Amino acid sequence: MNKLLFDEGMEEMDRHIDKFYISYELESNSIHAPDGEYLLKDITCDWTAINLYNKTDGGSQLKDWFSKSKVIVRSGLIDLSTLFKCYREIQSQHNYHGRFIERYDFDGTYIVIQVGS
């Protein structure tokens, strides 16, 4: 599904939860970014050791994580299906258990996401 979801066309289910249990907590899908395709960036620690092995040593250092796919932006709106796909790619790298998309911003190069649990 590569359909752009517009503010006025977003239905309640589309806006809040996708099939992978990512919860979209924002009121709209607007973003201040030029039309284009951008890598998604997440800044968090490596949760693999913490989640899988109950270790906290060395795993709490923040690191930049990047998607392999790109998020599509058109007319100041972010395509939520590509955002979810890109976040899942990052999530499989750092294994963070959070599922609530709380914010995202454009930093001039990347779309930077913040996800909470």
PDB file of N, CA and C in Angstrom:
ATOM      1  N   MET A   1       0.840  -1.166   0.000  1.00  0.00           N
ATOM      2  CA  MET A   1       0.000   0.000   0.000  1.00  0.00           C
ATOM      3  C   MET A   1       0.892   1.238   0.000  1.00  0.00           C
ATOM      4  N   ASN A   2       0.865   2.018  -1.029  1.00  0.00           N
ATOM      5  CA  ASN A   2       1.675   3.218  -1.115  1.00  0.00           C
ATOM      6  C   ASN A   2       0.791   4.452  -1.212  1.00  0.00           C
ATOM      7  N   LYS A   3      -0.412   4.362  -0.697  1.00  0.00           N
ATOM      8  CA  LYS A   3      -1.378   5.450  -0.746  1.00  0.00           C
ATOM      9  C   LYS A   3      -1.002   6.516   0.276  1.00  0.00           C
ATOM     10  N   LEU A   4      -1.018   7.762  -0.142  1.00  0.00           N
ATOM     11  CA  LEU A   4      -0.778   8.847   0.789  1.00  0.00           C
ATOM     12  C   LEU A   4      -2.033   9.071   1.617  1.00  0.00           C
ATOM     13  N   LEU A   5      -1.871   9.188   2.898  1.00  0.00           N
ATOM     14  CA  LEU A   5      -3.004   9.424   3.773  1.00  0.00           C
ATOM     15  C   LEU A   5      -3.030  10.903   4.122  1.00  0.00           C
ATOM     16  N   PHE A   6      -4.094  11.593   3.758  1.00  0.00           N
ATOM     17  CA  PHE A   6      -4.214  13.019   3.988  1.00  0.00           C
ATOM     18  C   PHE A   6      -4.945  13.279   5.288  1.00  0.00           C
ATOM     19  N   ASP A   7      -4.646  14.429   5.893  1.00  0.00           N
ATOM     20  CA  ASP A   7      -5.255  14.798   7.171  1.00  0.00           C
ATOM     21  C   ASP A   7      -6.760  14.576   7.180  1.00  0.00           C
ATOM     22  N   GLU A   8      -7.456  15.178   6.228  1.00  0.00           N
ATOM     23  CA  GLU A   8      -8.915  15.112   6.249  1.00  0.00           C
ATOM     24  C   GLU A   8      -9.455  13.738   5.854  1.00  0.00           C
ATOM     25  N   GLY A   9      -8.636  12.866   5.262  1.00  0.00           N
ATOM     26  CA  GLY A   9      -9.095  11.561   4.825  1.00  0.00           C
ATOM     27  C   GLY A   9      -8.707  10.425   5.749  1.00  0.00           C
ATOM     28  N   MET A  10      -8.020  10.736   6.818  1.00  0.00           N
ATOM     29  CA  MET A  10      -7.559   9.677   7.708  1.00  0.00           C
ATOM     30  C   MET A  10      -8.713   9.175   8.564  1.00  0.00           C
ATOM     31  N   GLU A  11      -8.927   7.892   8.531  1.00  0.00           N
ATOM     32  CA  GLU A  11      -9.964   7.298   9.364  1.00  0.00           C
ATOM     33  C   GLU A  11      -9.365   6.930  10.712  1.00  0.00           C
ATOM     34  N   GLU A  12     -10.203   6.725  11.690  1.00  0.00           N
ATOM     35  CA  GLU A  12      -9.740   6.458  13.048  1.00  0.00           C
ATOM     36  C   GLU A  12      -8.764   5.288  13.103  1.00  0.00           C
ATOM     37  N   MET A  13      -9.084   4.172  12.462  1.00  0.00           N
ATOM     38  CA  MET A  13      -8.208   3.014  12.505  1.00  0.00           C
ATOM     39  C   MET A  13      -6.898   3.292  11.773  1.00  0.00           C
ATOM     40  N   ASP A  14      -6.967   3.949  10.615  1.00  0.00           N
ATOM     41  CA  ASP A  14      -5.760   4.284   9.873  1.00  0.00           C
ATOM     42  C   ASP A  14      -4.846   5.172  10.707  1.00  0.00           C
ATOM     43  N   ARG A  15      -5.440   6.062  11.464  1.00  0.00           N
ATOM     44  CA  ARG A  15      -4.683   7.064  12.186  1.00  0.00           C
ATOM     45  C   ARG A  15      -4.008   6.506  13.428  1.00  0.00           C
ATOM     46  N   HIS A  16      -4.529   5.458  14.018  1.00  0.00           N
ATOM     47  CA  HIS A  16      -3.994   5.028  15.299  1.00  0.00           C
ATOM     48  C   HIS A  16      -3.224   3.714  15.312  1.00  0.00           C
ATOM     49  N   ILE A  17      -3.673   2.690  14.634  1.00  0.00           N
ATOM     50  CA  ILE A  17      -2.984   1.414  14.776  1.00  0.00           C
ATOM     51  C   ILE A  17      -2.875   0.719  13.424  1.00  0.00           C
ATOM     52  N   ASP A  18      -1.671   0.241  13.099  1.00  0.00           N
ATOM     53  CA  ASP A  18      -1.515  -0.523  11.875  1.00  0.00           C
ATOM     54  C   ASP A  18      -1.506  -2.009  12.220  1.00  0.00           C
ATOM     55  N   LYS A  19      -1.380  -2.871  11.223  1.00  0.00           N
ATOM     56  CA  LYS A  19      -1.482  -4.315  11.454  1.00  0.00           C
ATOM     57  C   LYS A  19      -0.314  -4.887  12.246  1.00  0.00           C
ATOM     58  N   PHE A  20       0.775  -4.127  12.404  1.00  0.00           N
ATOM     59  CA  PHE A  20       1.921  -4.591  13.174  1.00  0.00           C
ATOM     60  C   PHE A  20       1.918  -4.016  14.587  1.00  0.00           C
ATOM     61  N   TYR A  21       0.797  -3.464  14.993  1.00  0.00           N
ATOM     62  CA  TYR A  21       0.618  -2.925  16.336  1.00  0.00           C
ATOM     63  C   TYR A  21       1.472  -1.699  16.610  1.00  0.00           C
ATOM     64  N   ILE A  22       1.798  -0.939  15.593  1.00  0.00           N
ATOM     65  CA  ILE A  22       2.392   0.372  15.802  1.00  0.00           C
ATOM     66  C   ILE A  22       1.226   1.327  16.020  1.00  0.00           C
ATOM     67  N   SER A  23       1.303   2.083  17.069  1.00  0.00           N
ATOM     68  CA  SER A  23       0.228   3.016  17.373  1.00  0.00           C
ATOM     69  C   SER A  23       0.665   4.426  16.990  1.00  0.00           C
ATOM     70  N   TYR A  24      -0.121   5.068  16.151  1.00  0.00           N
ATOM     71  CA  TYR A  24       0.161   6.407  15.667  1.00  0.00           C
ATOM     72  C   TYR A  24      -0.546   7.398  16.582  1.00  0.00           C
ATOM     73  N   GLU A  25       0.202   8.147  17.384  1.00  0.00           N
ATOM     74  CA  GLU A  25      -0.366   8.982  18.429  1.00  0.00           C
ATOM     75  C   GLU A  25      -0.521  10.452  18.048  1.00  0.00           C
ATOM     76  N   LEU A  26      -0.287  10.798  16.812  1.00  0.00           N
ATOM     77  CA  LEU A  26      -0.350  12.189  16.388  1.00  0.00           C
ATOM     78  C   LEU A  26      -1.705  12.518  15.779  1.00  0.00           C
ATOM     79  N   GLU A  27      -2.060  13.783  15.791  1.00  0.00           N
ATOM     80  CA  GLU A  27      -3.349  14.212  15.268  1.00  0.00           C
ATOM     81  C   GLU A  27      -3.378  14.328  13.747  1.00  0.00           C
ATOM     82  N   SER A  28      -2.235  14.460  13.114  1.00  0.00           N
ATOM     83  CA  SER A  28      -2.193  14.574  11.655  1.00  0.00           C
ATOM     84  C   SER A  28      -0.911  13.942  11.135  1.00  0.00           C
ATOM     85  N   ASN A  29      -0.792  13.912   9.847  1.00  0.00           N
ATOM     86  CA  ASN A  29       0.420  13.366   9.236  1.00  0.00           C
ATOM     87  C   ASN A  29       1.194  14.457   8.486  1.00  0.00           C
ATOM     88  N   SER A  30       1.054  15.688   8.947  1.00  0.00           N
ATOM     89  CA  SER A  30       1.773  16.781   8.297  1.00  0.00           C
ATOM     90  C   SER A  30       3.219  16.833   8.773  1.00  0.00           C
ATOM     91  N   ILE A  31       4.085  17.359   7.896  1.00  0.00           N
ATOM     92  CA  ILE A  31       5.507  17.491   8.200  1.00  0.00           C
ATOM     93  C   ILE A  31       6.051  18.669   7.404  1.00  0.00           C
ATOM     94  N   HIS A  32       6.979  19.385   7.982  1.00  0.00           N
ATOM     95  CA  HIS A  32       7.620  20.511   7.287  1.00  0.00           C
ATOM     96  C   HIS A  32       8.851  19.982   6.565  1.00  0.00           C
ATOM     97  N   ALA A  33       8.610  19.396   5.393  1.00  0.00           N
ATOM     98  CA  ALA A  33       9.685  18.847   4.562  1.00  0.00           C
ATOM     99  C   ALA A  33       9.287  18.989   3.105  1.00  0.00           C
ATOM    100  N   PRO A  34      10.255  19.238   2.229  1.00  0.00           N
ATOM    101  CA  PRO A  34       9.939  19.299   0.798  1.00  0.00           C
ATOM    102  C   PRO A  34       9.479  17.934   0.275  1.00  0.00           C
ATOM    103  N   ASP A  35       8.726  17.937  -0.812  1.00  0.00           N
ATOM    104  CA  ASP A  35       8.342  16.674  -1.441  1.00  0.00           C
ATOM    105  C   ASP A  35       9.592  15.856  -1.724  1.00  0.00           C
ATOM    106  N   GLY A  36       9.508  14.567  -1.477  1.00  0.00           N
ATOM    107  CA  GLY A  36      10.655  13.701  -1.733  1.00  0.00           C
ATOM    108  C   GLY A  36      10.558  12.412  -0.960  1.00  0.00           C
ATOM    109  N   GLU A  37      11.662  11.683  -0.962  1.00  0.00           N
ATOM    110  CA  GLU A  37      11.777  10.419  -0.248  1.00  0.00           C
ATOM    111  C   GLU A  37      12.988  10.514   0.652  1.00  0.00           C
ATOM    112  N   TYR A  38      12.806  10.145   1.921  1.00  0.00           N
ATOM    113  CA  TYR A  38      13.842  10.345   2.925  1.00  0.00           C
ATOM    114  C   TYR A  38      14.038   9.090   3.766  1.00  0.00           C
ATOM    115  N   LEU A  39      15.288   8.836   4.149  1.00  0.00           N
ATOM    116  CA  LEU A  39      15.555   7.775   5.100  1.00  0.00           C
ATOM    117  C   LEU A  39      15.004   8.181   6.453  1.00  0.00           C
ATOM    118  N   LEU A  40      14.556   7.192   7.215  1.00  0.00           N
ATOM    119  CA  LEU A  40      14.071   7.414   8.567  1.00  0.00           C
ATOM    120  C   LEU A  40      15.225   7.169   9.533  1.00  0.00           C
ATOM    121  N   LYS A  41      15.327   8.010  10.540  1.00  0.00           N
ATOM    122  CA  LYS A  41      16.393   7.910  11.541  1.00  0.00           C
ATOM    123  C   LYS A  41      15.761   7.825  12.922  1.00  0.00           C
ATOM    124  N   ASP A  42      16.295   6.935  13.755  1.00  0.00           N
ATOM    125  CA  ASP A  42      15.875   6.816  15.141  1.00  0.00           C
ATOM    126  C   ASP A  42      17.127   6.892  15.998  1.00  0.00           C
ATOM    127  N   ILE A  43      17.047   7.610  17.103  1.00  0.00           N
ATOM    128  CA  ILE A  43      18.183   7.742  18.006  1.00  0.00           C
ATOM    129  C   ILE A  43      17.812   7.053  19.311  1.00  0.00           C
ATOM    130  N   THR A  44      18.423   5.909  19.545  1.00  0.00           N
ATOM    131  CA  THR A  44      18.146   5.136  20.760  1.00  0.00           C
ATOM    132  C   THR A  44      19.310   4.185  20.996  1.00  0.00           C
ATOM    133  N   CYS A  45      19.263   3.483  22.099  1.00  0.00           N
ATOM    134  CA  CYS A  45      20.314   2.504  22.376  1.00  0.00           C
ATOM    135  C   CYS A  45      19.969   1.164  21.717  1.00  0.00           C
ATOM    136  N   ASP A  46      20.909   0.232  21.772  1.00  0.00           N
ATOM    137  CA  ASP A  46      20.684  -1.116  21.251  1.00  0.00           C
ATOM    138  C   ASP A  46      19.952  -1.909  22.326  1.00  0.00           C
ATOM    139  N   TRP A  47      18.688  -2.189  22.061  1.00  0.00           N
ATOM    140  CA  TRP A  47      17.851  -2.876  23.040  1.00  0.00           C
ATOM    141  C   TRP A  47      17.978  -4.396  22.968  1.00  0.00           C
ATOM    142  N   THR A  48      18.780  -4.924  22.073  1.00  0.00           N
ATOM    143  CA  THR A  48      18.910  -6.376  21.931  1.00  0.00           C
ATOM    144  C   THR A  48      19.379  -7.003  23.231  1.00  0.00           C
ATOM    145  N   ALA A  49      20.453  -6.486  23.795  1.00  0.00           N
ATOM    146  CA  ALA A  49      20.996  -7.055  25.034  1.00  0.00           C
ATOM    147  C   ALA A  49      20.025  -6.855  26.195  1.00  0.00           C
ATOM    148  N   ILE A  50      19.376  -5.697  26.235  1.00  0.00           N
ATOM    149  CA  ILE A  50      18.459  -5.404  27.336  1.00  0.00           C
ATOM    150  C   ILE A  50      17.216  -6.284  27.259  1.00  0.00           C
ATOM    151  N   ASN A  51      16.610  -6.390  26.089  1.00  0.00           N
ATOM    152  CA  ASN A  51      15.370  -7.147  25.941  1.00  0.00           C
ATOM    153  C   ASN A  51      15.575  -8.647  25.934  1.00  0.00           C
ATOM    154  N   LEU A  52      16.630  -9.103  25.270  1.00  0.00           N
ATOM    155  CA  LEU A  52      16.798 -10.542  25.108  1.00  0.00           C
ATOM    156  C   LEU A  52      17.639 -11.195  26.195  1.00  0.00           C
ATOM    157  N   TYR A  53      18.588 -10.448  26.741  1.00  0.00           N
ATOM    158  CA  TYR A  53      19.511 -11.073  27.685  1.00  0.00           C
ATOM    159  C   TYR A  53      19.490 -10.431  29.068  1.00  0.00           C
ATOM    160  N   ASN A  54      18.587  -9.460  29.286  1.00  0.00           N
ATOM    161  CA  ASN A  54      18.462  -8.771  30.575  1.00  0.00           C
ATOM    162  C   ASN A  54      19.757  -8.113  31.027  1.00  0.00           C
ATOM    163  N   LYS A  55      20.554  -7.657  30.084  1.00  0.00           N
ATOM    164  CA  LYS A  55      21.808  -6.984  30.416  1.00  0.00           C
ATOM    165  C   LYS A  55      21.623  -5.487  30.216  1.00  0.00           C
ATOM    166  N   THR A  56      22.243  -4.718  31.068  1.00  0.00           N
ATOM    167  CA  THR A  56      22.174  -3.272  30.925  1.00  0.00           C
ATOM    168  C   THR A  56      23.544  -2.645  30.679  1.00  0.00           C
ATOM    169  N   ASP A  57      24.609  -3.405  30.831  1.00  0.00           N
ATOM    170  CA  ASP A  57      25.944  -2.838  30.639  1.00  0.00           C
ATOM    171  C   ASP A  57      26.252  -2.629  29.152  1.00  0.00           C
ATOM    172  N   GLY A  58      26.702  -1.443  28.806  1.00  0.00           N
ATOM    173  CA  GLY A  58      27.109  -1.150  27.439  1.00  0.00           C
ATOM    174  C   GLY A  58      25.976  -0.958  26.451  1.00  0.00           C
ATOM    175  N   GLY A  59      24.755  -1.314  26.819  1.00  0.00           N
ATOM    176  CA  GLY A  59      23.656  -1.217  25.885  1.00  0.00           C
ATOM    177  C   GLY A  59      22.913   0.105  25.946  1.00  0.00           C
ATOM    178  N   SER A  60      23.281   0.948  26.902  1.00  0.00           N
ATOM    179  CA  SER A  60      22.519   2.175  27.094  1.00  0.00           C
ATOM    180  C   SER A  60      23.098   3.382  26.352  1.00  0.00           C
ATOM    181  N   GLN A  61      24.110   3.179  25.544  1.00  0.00           N
ATOM    182  CA  GLN A  61      24.696   4.274  24.780  1.00  0.00           C
ATOM    183  C   GLN A  61      23.838   4.572  23.549  1.00  0.00           C
ATOM    184  N   LEU A  62      23.491   5.849  23.366  1.00  0.00           N
ATOM    185  CA  LEU A  62      22.655   6.233  22.231  1.00  0.00           C
ATOM    186  C   LEU A  62      23.401   6.056  20.914  1.00  0.00           C
ATOM    187  N   LYS A  63      22.629   5.684  19.902  1.00  0.00           N
ATOM    188  CA  LYS A  63      23.191   5.413  18.587  1.00  0.00           C
ATOM    189  C   LYS A  63      22.165   5.830  17.536  1.00  0.00           C
ATOM    190  N   ASP A  64      22.634   6.218  16.364  1.00  0.00           N
ATOM    191  CA  ASP A  64      21.747   6.525  15.245  1.00  0.00           C
ATOM    192  C   ASP A  64      21.438   5.244  14.475  1.00  0.00           C
ATOM    193  N   TRP A  65      20.156   5.025  14.182  1.00  0.00           N
ATOM    194  CA  TRP A  65      19.697   3.862  13.419  1.00  0.00           C
ATOM    195  C   TRP A  65      18.969   4.375  12.184  1.00  0.00           C
ATOM    196  N   PHE A  66      19.162   3.728  11.038  1.00  0.00           N
ATOM    197  CA  PHE A  66      18.585   4.204   9.780  1.00  0.00           C
ATOM    198  C   PHE A  66      17.809   3.092   9.070  1.00  0.00           C
ATOM    199  N   SER A  67      16.720   3.489   8.420  1.00  0.00           N
ATOM    200  CA  SER A  67      15.947   2.544   7.610  1.00  0.00           C
ATOM    201  C   SER A  67      16.682   2.289   6.299  1.00  0.00           C
ATOM    202  N   LYS A  68      16.352   1.193   5.669  1.00  0.00           N
ATOM    203  CA  LYS A  68      16.882   0.888   4.337  1.00  0.00           C
ATOM    204  C   LYS A  68      15.966   1.481   3.268  1.00  0.00           C
ATOM    205  N   SER A  69      14.678   1.488   3.549  1.00  0.00           N
ATOM    206  CA  SER A  69      13.689   2.071   2.638  1.00  0.00           C
ATOM    207  C   SER A  69      13.525   3.548   2.965  1.00  0.00           C
ATOM    208  N   LYS A  70      12.722   4.230   2.166  1.00  0.00           N
ATOM    209  CA  LYS A  70      12.532   5.662   2.361  1.00  0.00           C
ATOM    210  C   LYS A  70      11.068   6.004   2.637  1.00  0.00           C
ATOM    211  N   VAL A  71      10.885   7.061   3.419  1.00  0.00           N
ATOM    212  CA  VAL A  71       9.569   7.597   3.730  1.00  0.00           C
ATOM    213  C   VAL A  71       9.217   8.613   2.656  1.00  0.00           C
ATOM    214  N   ILE A  72       7.996   8.529   2.143  1.00  0.00           N
ATOM    215  CA  ILE A  72       7.542   9.436   1.087  1.00  0.00           C
ATOM    216  C   ILE A  72       6.833  10.641   1.711  1.00  0.00           C
ATOM    217  N   VAL A  73       7.185  11.835   1.210  1.00  0.00           N
ATOM    218  CA  VAL A  73       6.529  13.079   1.616  1.00  0.00           C
ATOM    219  C   VAL A  73       6.007  13.760   0.356  1.00  0.00           C
ATOM    220  N   ARG A  74       4.735  14.137   0.379  1.00  0.00           N
ATOM    221  CA  ARG A  74       4.104  14.863  -0.730  1.00  0.00           C
ATOM    222  C   ARG A  74       3.191  15.937  -0.160  1.00  0.00           C
ATOM    223  N   SER A  75       3.296  17.139  -0.680  1.00  0.00           N
ATOM    224  CA  SER A  75       2.420  18.260  -0.297  1.00  0.00           C
ATOM    225  C   SER A  75       2.401  18.499   1.215  1.00  0.00           C
ATOM    226  N   GLY A  76       3.536  18.311   1.877  1.00  0.00           N
ATOM    227  CA  GLY A  76       3.618  18.547   3.313  1.00  0.00           C
ATOM    228  C   GLY A  76       3.010  17.453   4.168  1.00  0.00           C
ATOM    229  N   LEU A  77       2.713  16.301   3.540  1.00  0.00           N
ATOM    230  CA  LEU A  77       2.124  15.174   4.265  1.00  0.00           C
ATOM    231  C   LEU A  77       3.022  13.951   4.145  1.00  0.00           C
ATOM    232  N   ILE A  78       3.130  13.227   5.244  1.00  0.00           N
ATOM    233  CA  ILE A  78       3.955  12.025   5.264  1.00  0.00           C
ATOM    234  C   ILE A  78       3.087  10.815   4.937  1.00  0.00           C
ATOM    235  N   ASP A  79       3.600   9.916   4.118  1.00  0.00           N
ATOM    236  CA  ASP A  79       2.891   8.686   3.778  1.00  0.00           C
ATOM    237  C   ASP A  79       3.070   7.706   4.941  1.00  0.00           C
ATOM    238  N   LEU A  80       2.003   7.461   5.681  1.00  0.00           N
ATOM    239  CA  LEU A  80       2.092   6.647   6.886  1.00  0.00           C
ATOM    240  C   LEU A  80       2.501   5.207   6.609  1.00  0.00           C
ATOM    241  N   SER A  81       2.104   4.653   5.493  1.00  0.00           N
ATOM    242  CA  SER A  81       2.484   3.260   5.209  1.00  0.00           C
ATOM    243  C   SER A  81       3.997   3.137   5.044  1.00  0.00           C
ATOM    244  N   THR A  82       4.637   4.116   4.411  1.00  0.00           N
ATOM    245  CA  THR A  82       6.098   4.048   4.266  1.00  0.00           C
ATOM    246  C   THR A  82       6.778   4.380   5.597  1.00  0.00           C
ATOM    247  N   LEU A  83       6.178   5.249   6.409  1.00  0.00           N
ATOM    248  CA  LEU A  83       6.721   5.532   7.737  1.00  0.00           C
ATOM    249  C   LEU A  83       6.726   4.270   8.587  1.00  0.00           C
ATOM    250  N   PHE A  84       5.603   3.546   8.606  1.00  0.00           N
ATOM    251  CA  PHE A  84       5.517   2.309   9.385  1.00  0.00           C
ATOM    252  C   PHE A  84       6.525   1.272   8.887  1.00  0.00           C
ATOM    253  N   LYS A  85       6.623   1.123   7.580  1.00  0.00           N
ATOM    254  CA  LYS A  85       7.568   0.160   7.001  1.00  0.00           C
ATOM    255  C   LYS A  85       8.999   0.493   7.413  1.00  0.00           C
ATOM    256  N   CYS A  86       9.361   1.751   7.299  1.00  0.00           N
ATOM    257  CA  CYS A  86      10.723   2.160   7.641  1.00  0.00           C
ATOM    258  C   CYS A  86      11.001   1.991   9.125  1.00  0.00           C
ATOM    259  N   TYR A  87      10.012   2.294   9.971  1.00  0.00           N
ATOM    260  CA  TYR A  87      10.248   2.107  11.397  1.00  0.00           C
ATOM    261  C   TYR A  87      10.424   0.626  11.735  1.00  0.00           C
ATOM    262  N   ARG A  88       9.657  -0.239  11.109  1.00  0.00           N
ATOM    263  CA  ARG A  88       9.826  -1.686  11.344  1.00  0.00           C
ATOM    264  C   ARG A  88      11.237  -2.149  10.961  1.00  0.00           C
ATOM    265  N   GLU A  89      11.789  -1.573   9.895  1.00  0.00           N
ATOM    266  CA  GLU A  89      13.162  -1.918   9.499  1.00  0.00           C
ATOM    267  C   GLU A  89      14.145  -1.522  10.603  1.00  0.00           C
ATOM    268  N   ILE A  90      13.956  -0.342  11.151  1.00  0.00           N
ATOM    269  CA  ILE A  90      14.836   0.121  12.226  1.00  0.00           C
ATOM    270  C   ILE A  90      14.613  -0.702  13.489  1.00  0.00           C
ATOM    271  N   GLN A  91      13.351  -0.968  13.792  1.00  0.00           N
ATOM    272  CA  GLN A  91      13.028  -1.724  15.002  1.00  0.00           C
ATOM    273  C   GLN A  91      13.674  -3.106  14.991  1.00  0.00           C
ATOM    274  N   SER A  92      13.770  -3.710  13.828  1.00  0.00           N
ATOM    275  CA  SER A  92      14.407  -5.029  13.740  1.00  0.00           C
ATOM    276  C   SER A  92      15.912  -4.951  13.976  1.00  0.00           C
ATOM    277  N   GLN A  93      16.485  -3.761  13.869  1.00  0.00           N
ATOM    278  CA  GLN A  93      17.916  -3.582  14.130  1.00  0.00           C
ATOM    279  C   GLN A  93      18.188  -3.384  15.623  1.00  0.00           C
ATOM    280  N   HIS A  94      17.416  -2.503  16.282  1.00  0.00           N
ATOM    281  CA  HIS A  94      17.715  -2.181  17.681  1.00  0.00           C
ATOM    282  C   HIS A  94      16.804  -2.881  18.685  1.00  0.00           C
ATOM    283  N   ASN A  95      15.735  -3.514  18.227  1.00  0.00           N
ATOM    284  CA  ASN A  95      14.846  -4.305  19.076  1.00  0.00           C
ATOM    285  C   ASN A  95      14.161  -3.527  20.191  1.00  0.00           C
ATOM    286  N   TYR A  96      13.914  -2.246  19.979  1.00  0.00           N
ATOM    287  CA  TYR A  96      13.178  -1.477  20.976  1.00  0.00           C
ATOM    288  C   TYR A  96      11.723  -1.940  20.977  1.00  0.00           C
ATOM    289  N   HIS A  97      11.175  -2.112  22.163  1.00  0.00           N
ATOM    290  CA  HIS A  97       9.835  -2.678  22.325  1.00  0.00           C
ATOM    291  C   HIS A  97       8.711  -1.651  22.176  1.00  0.00           C
ATOM    292  N   GLY A  98       9.059  -0.362  22.131  1.00  0.00           N
ATOM    293  CA  GLY A  98       8.031   0.675  22.049  1.00  0.00           C
ATOM    294  C   GLY A  98       7.240   0.591  20.752  1.00  0.00           C
ATOM    295  N   ARG A  99       5.980   1.037  20.803  1.00  0.00           N
ATOM    296  CA  ARG A  99       5.137   0.959  19.616  1.00  0.00           C
ATOM    297  C   ARG A  99       4.339   2.227  19.355  1.00  0.00           C
ATOM    298  N   PHE A 100       4.529   3.254  20.191  1.00  0.00           N
ATOM    299  CA  PHE A 100       3.756   4.489  20.058  1.00  0.00           C
ATOM    300  C   PHE A 100       4.569   5.558  19.332  1.00  0.00           C
ATOM    301  N   ILE A 101       4.170   5.879  18.113  1.00  0.00           N
ATOM    302  CA  ILE A 101       4.838   6.954  17.388  1.00  0.00           C
ATOM    303  C   ILE A 101       4.354   8.266  17.993  1.00  0.00           C
ATOM    304  N   GLU A 102       5.253   8.965  18.666  1.00  0.00           N
ATOM    305  CA  GLU A 102       4.903  10.171  19.397  1.00  0.00           C
ATOM    306  C   GLU A 102       5.230  11.453  18.643  1.00  0.00           C
ATOM    307  N   ARG A 103       6.251  11.422  17.797  1.00  0.00           N
ATOM    308  CA  ARG A 103       6.590  12.595  16.998  1.00  0.00           C
ATOM    309  C   ARG A 103       7.590  12.219  15.920  1.00  0.00           C
ATOM    310  N   TYR A 104       7.679  13.066  14.931  1.00  0.00           N
ATOM    311  CA  TYR A 104       8.730  12.986  13.923  1.00  0.00           C
ATOM    312  C   TYR A 104       8.973  14.379  13.393  1.00  0.00           C
ATOM    313  N   ASP A 105      10.197  14.613  12.956  1.00  0.00           N
ATOM    314  CA  ASP A 105      10.599  15.914  12.436  1.00  0.00           C
ATOM    315  C   ASP A 105      11.537  15.682  11.252  1.00  0.00           C
ATOM    316  N   PHE A 106      11.656  16.690  10.441  1.00  0.00           N
ATOM    317  CA  PHE A 106      12.608  16.675   9.337  1.00  0.00           C
ATOM    318  C   PHE A 106      13.800  17.523   9.756  1.00  0.00           C
ATOM    319  N   ASP A 107      15.008  16.945   9.722  1.00  0.00           N
ATOM    320  CA  ASP A 107      16.200  17.683  10.164  1.00  0.00           C
ATOM    321  C   ASP A 107      17.000  18.280   9.005  1.00  0.00           C
ATOM    322  N   GLY A 108      16.416  18.254   7.815  1.00  0.00           N
ATOM    323  CA  GLY A 108      17.094  18.772   6.631  1.00  0.00           C
ATOM    324  C   GLY A 108      17.681  17.670   5.767  1.00  0.00           C
ATOM    325  N   THR A 109      17.893  16.498   6.371  1.00  0.00           N
ATOM    326  CA  THR A 109      18.410  15.330   5.640  1.00  0.00           C
ATOM    327  C   THR A 109      17.545  14.099   5.860  1.00  0.00           C
ATOM    328  N   TYR A 110      17.194  13.855   7.126  1.00  0.00           N
ATOM    329  CA  TYR A 110      16.448  12.658   7.514  1.00  0.00           C
ATOM    330  C   TYR A 110      15.128  13.039   8.177  1.00  0.00           C
ATOM    331  N   ILE A 111      14.200  12.092   8.160  1.00  0.00           N
ATOM    332  CA  ILE A 111      13.031  12.199   9.032  1.00  0.00           C
ATOM    333  C   ILE A 111      13.415  11.468  10.307  1.00  0.00           C
ATOM    334  N   VAL A 112      13.395  12.195  11.415  1.00  0.00           N
ATOM    335  CA  VAL A 112      13.815  11.649  12.704  1.00  0.00           C
ATOM    336  C   VAL A 112      12.554  11.333  13.508  1.00  0.00           C
ATOM    337  N   ILE A 113      12.468  10.097  13.967  1.00  0.00           N
ATOM    338  CA  ILE A 113      11.263   9.629  14.649  1.00  0.00           C
ATOM    339  C   ILE A 113      11.524   9.467  16.142  1.00  0.00           C
ATOM    340  N   GLN A 114      10.459   9.650  16.937  1.00  0.00           N
ATOM    341  CA  GLN A 114      10.505   9.378  18.355  1.00  0.00           C
ATOM    342  C   GLN A 114       9.382   8.422  18.681  1.00  0.00           C
ATOM    343  N   VAL A 115       9.735   7.272  19.231  1.00  0.00           N
ATOM    344  CA  VAL A 115       8.772   6.229  19.565  1.00  0.00           C
ATOM    345  C   VAL A 115       8.866   5.940  21.055  1.00  0.00           C
ATOM    346  N   GLY A 116       7.724   5.783  21.695  1.00  0.00           N
ATOM    347  CA  GLY A 116       7.696   5.487  23.128  1.00  0.00           C
ATOM    348  C   GLY A 116       6.994   4.177  23.413  1.00  0.00           C
ATOM    349  N   SER A 117       7.091   3.755  24.661  1.00  0.00           N
ATOM    350  CA  SER A 117       6.462   2.479  25.037  1.00  0.00           C
ATOM    351  C   SER A 117       5.283   2.700  25.962  1.00  0.00           C
TER     352      SER A 117
END
